[in-house]
C-alpha atoms as a PDB file:
ATOM      1  CA  MET A   1      82.971  -3.247  -8.927  1.00  0.00           C
ATOM      2  CA  THR A   2      85.123  -4.906 -11.574  1.00  0.00           C
ATOM      3  CA  LYS A   3      85.590  -8.638 -11.187  1.00  0.00           C
ATOM      4  CA  PHE A   4      88.579 -10.649 -12.472  1.00  0.00           C
ATOM      5  CA  ILE A   5      87.934 -13.491 -14.908  1.00  0.00           C
ATOM      6  CA  SER A   6      90.484 -15.536 -16.821  1.00  0.00           C
ATOM      7  CA  LYS A   7      90.754 -14.651 -20.491  1.00  0.00           C
ATOM      8  CA  SER A   8      89.724 -18.139 -21.612  1.00  0.00           C
ATOM      9  CA  ASP A   9      86.642 -18.115 -19.352  1.00  0.00           C
ATOM     10  CA  ALA A  10      85.744 -14.611 -20.503  1.00  0.00           C
ATOM     11  CA  GLU A  11      86.053 -15.563 -24.169  1.00  0.00           C
ATOM     12  CA  ASP A  12      83.920 -18.672 -23.604  1.00  0.00           C
ATOM     13  CA  GLN A  13      81.208 -16.591 -21.910  1.00  0.00           C
ATOM     14  CA  PHE A  14      81.396 -13.911 -24.605  1.00  0.00           C
ATOM     15  CA  ASP A  15      81.156 -16.526 -27.360  1.00  0.00           C
ATOM     16  CA  ASP A  16      78.114 -18.032 -25.642  1.00  0.00           C
ATOM     17  CA  PHE A  17      76.564 -14.549 -25.421  1.00  0.00           C
ATOM     18  CA  LEU A  18      77.196 -13.803 -29.104  1.00  0.00           C
ATOM     19  CA  ASP A  19      75.867 -17.162 -30.199  1.00  0.00           C
ATOM     20  CA  GLU A  20      72.751 -16.912 -28.030  1.00  0.00           C
ATOM     21  CA  VAL A  21      71.883 -13.370 -29.109  1.00  0.00           C
ATOM     22  CA  ASN A  22      72.625 -13.786 -32.818  1.00  0.00           C
ATOM     23  CA  GLY A  23      72.012 -17.458 -33.511  1.00  0.00           C
ATOM     24  CA  ASP A  24      73.771 -19.530 -36.135  1.00  0.00           C
ATOM     25  CA  ILE A  25      74.955 -18.385 -39.520  1.00  0.00           C
ATOM     26  CA  HIS A  26      74.037 -20.528 -42.510  1.00  0.00           C
ATOM     27  CA  ILE A  27      76.074 -20.548 -45.697  1.00  0.00           C
ATOM     28  CA  GLY A  28      74.726 -23.038 -48.168  1.00  0.00           C
ATOM     29  CA  ASN A  29      74.363 -26.322 -46.318  1.00  0.00           C
ATOM     30  CA  LEU A  30      76.899 -25.323 -43.669  1.00  0.00           C
ATOM     31  CA  THR A  31      76.177 -23.869 -40.238  1.00  0.00           C
ATOM     32  CA  TYR A  32      78.567 -21.800 -38.140  1.00  0.00           C
ATOM     33  CA  THR A  33      78.263 -20.044 -34.801  1.00  0.00           C
ATOM     34  CA  THR A  34      78.303 -16.257 -34.807  1.00  0.00           C
ATOM     35  CA  SER A  35      81.394 -16.168 -32.603  1.00  0.00           C
ATOM     36  CA  GLN A  36      83.274 -18.516 -34.921  1.00  0.00           C
ATOM     37  CA  VAL A  37      82.476 -16.413 -37.983  1.00  0.00           C
ATOM     38  CA  LEU A  38      83.308 -13.085 -36.333  1.00  0.00           C
ATOM     39  CA  LYS A  39      86.667 -14.395 -35.016  1.00  0.00           C
ATOM     40  CA  GLU A  40      87.662 -15.658 -38.459  1.00  0.00           C
ATOM     41  CA  VAL A  41      86.238 -12.913 -40.680  1.00  0.00           C
ATOM     42  CA  ASP A  42      87.054  -9.847 -38.567  1.00  0.00           C
ATOM     43  CA  PRO A  43      89.248 -10.562 -35.528  1.00  0.00           C
ATOM     44  CA  ILE A  44      89.612  -6.836 -34.797  1.00  0.00           C
ATOM     45  CA  ALA A  45      85.826  -6.393 -34.567  1.00  0.00           C
ATOM     46  CA  TYR A  46      85.664  -9.530 -32.390  1.00  0.00           C
ATOM     47  CA  ARG A  47      88.270  -8.059 -30.025  1.00  0.00           C
ATOM     48  CA  GLU A  48      86.491  -4.682 -29.863  1.00  0.00           C
ATOM     49  CA  GLU A  49      83.139  -6.310 -29.117  1.00  0.00           C
ATOM     50  CA  PHE A  50      84.802  -8.565 -26.538  1.00  0.00           C
ATOM     51  CA  LEU A  51      86.282  -5.537 -24.752  1.00  0.00           C
ATOM     52  CA  ASN A  52      82.926  -3.717 -24.873  1.00  0.00           C
ATOM     53  CA  TRP A  53      81.231  -6.796 -23.408  1.00  0.00           C
ATOM     54  CA  LEU A  54      83.820  -7.006 -20.599  1.00  0.00           C
ATOM     55  CA  ASP A  55      83.129  -3.373 -19.720  1.00  0.00           C
ATOM     56  CA  ALA A  56      79.361  -3.859 -19.804  1.00  0.00           C
ATOM     57  CA  GLU A  57      79.644  -6.910 -17.546  1.00  0.00           C
ATOM     58  CA  ASN A  58      82.116  -5.174 -15.175  1.00  0.00           C
ATOM     59  CA  LEU A  59      84.725  -7.847 -15.849  1.00  0.00           C
ATOM     60  CA  THR A  60      88.461  -7.685 -16.466  1.00  0.00           C
ATOM     61  CA  THR A  61      91.071 -10.210 -17.594  1.00  0.00           C
ATOM     62  CA  ASP A  62      93.787  -8.182 -15.834  1.00  0.00           C
ATOM     63  CA  GLU A  63      94.129  -9.084 -12.164  1.00  0.00           C
ATOM     64  CA  ASP A  64      95.686  -5.678 -11.437  1.00  0.00           C
ATOM     65  CA  GLU A  65      92.540  -3.909 -12.705  1.00  0.00           C
ATOM     66  CA  ALA A  66      90.132  -5.954 -10.569  1.00  0.00           C
ATOM     67  CA  ASP A  67      88.629  -4.237  -7.549  1.00  0.00           C
ATOM     68  CA  GLU A  68      89.633  -5.661  -4.232  1.00  0.00           C
ATOM     69  CA  ASP A  69      87.047  -7.425  -2.099  1.00  0.00           C
ATOM     70  CA  GLU A  70      84.987  -5.061   0.033  1.00  0.00           C
ATOM     71  CA  ASP A  71      86.274  -6.840   3.144  1.00  0.00           C
ATOM     72  CA  GLU A  72      89.829  -5.750   2.313  1.00  0.00           C
ATOM     73  CA  GLU A  73      89.003  -2.033   1.940  1.00  0.00           C
END
């Protein structure tokens, strides 16, 4: 069952996932989150990983792709 989630909520959850799994990135005395670095350095890879994560979590940001509630079937 695929569940609808707003794009901003999905990106926030994905960023939290990336940051939790991979930790912070240190460059000199500076610290960045993994999600922040990936978005800036390789936005295409970020998008691909985001889409893979949506699939793995059975989520969609497209309301038309979401499964209807079981009660409505």
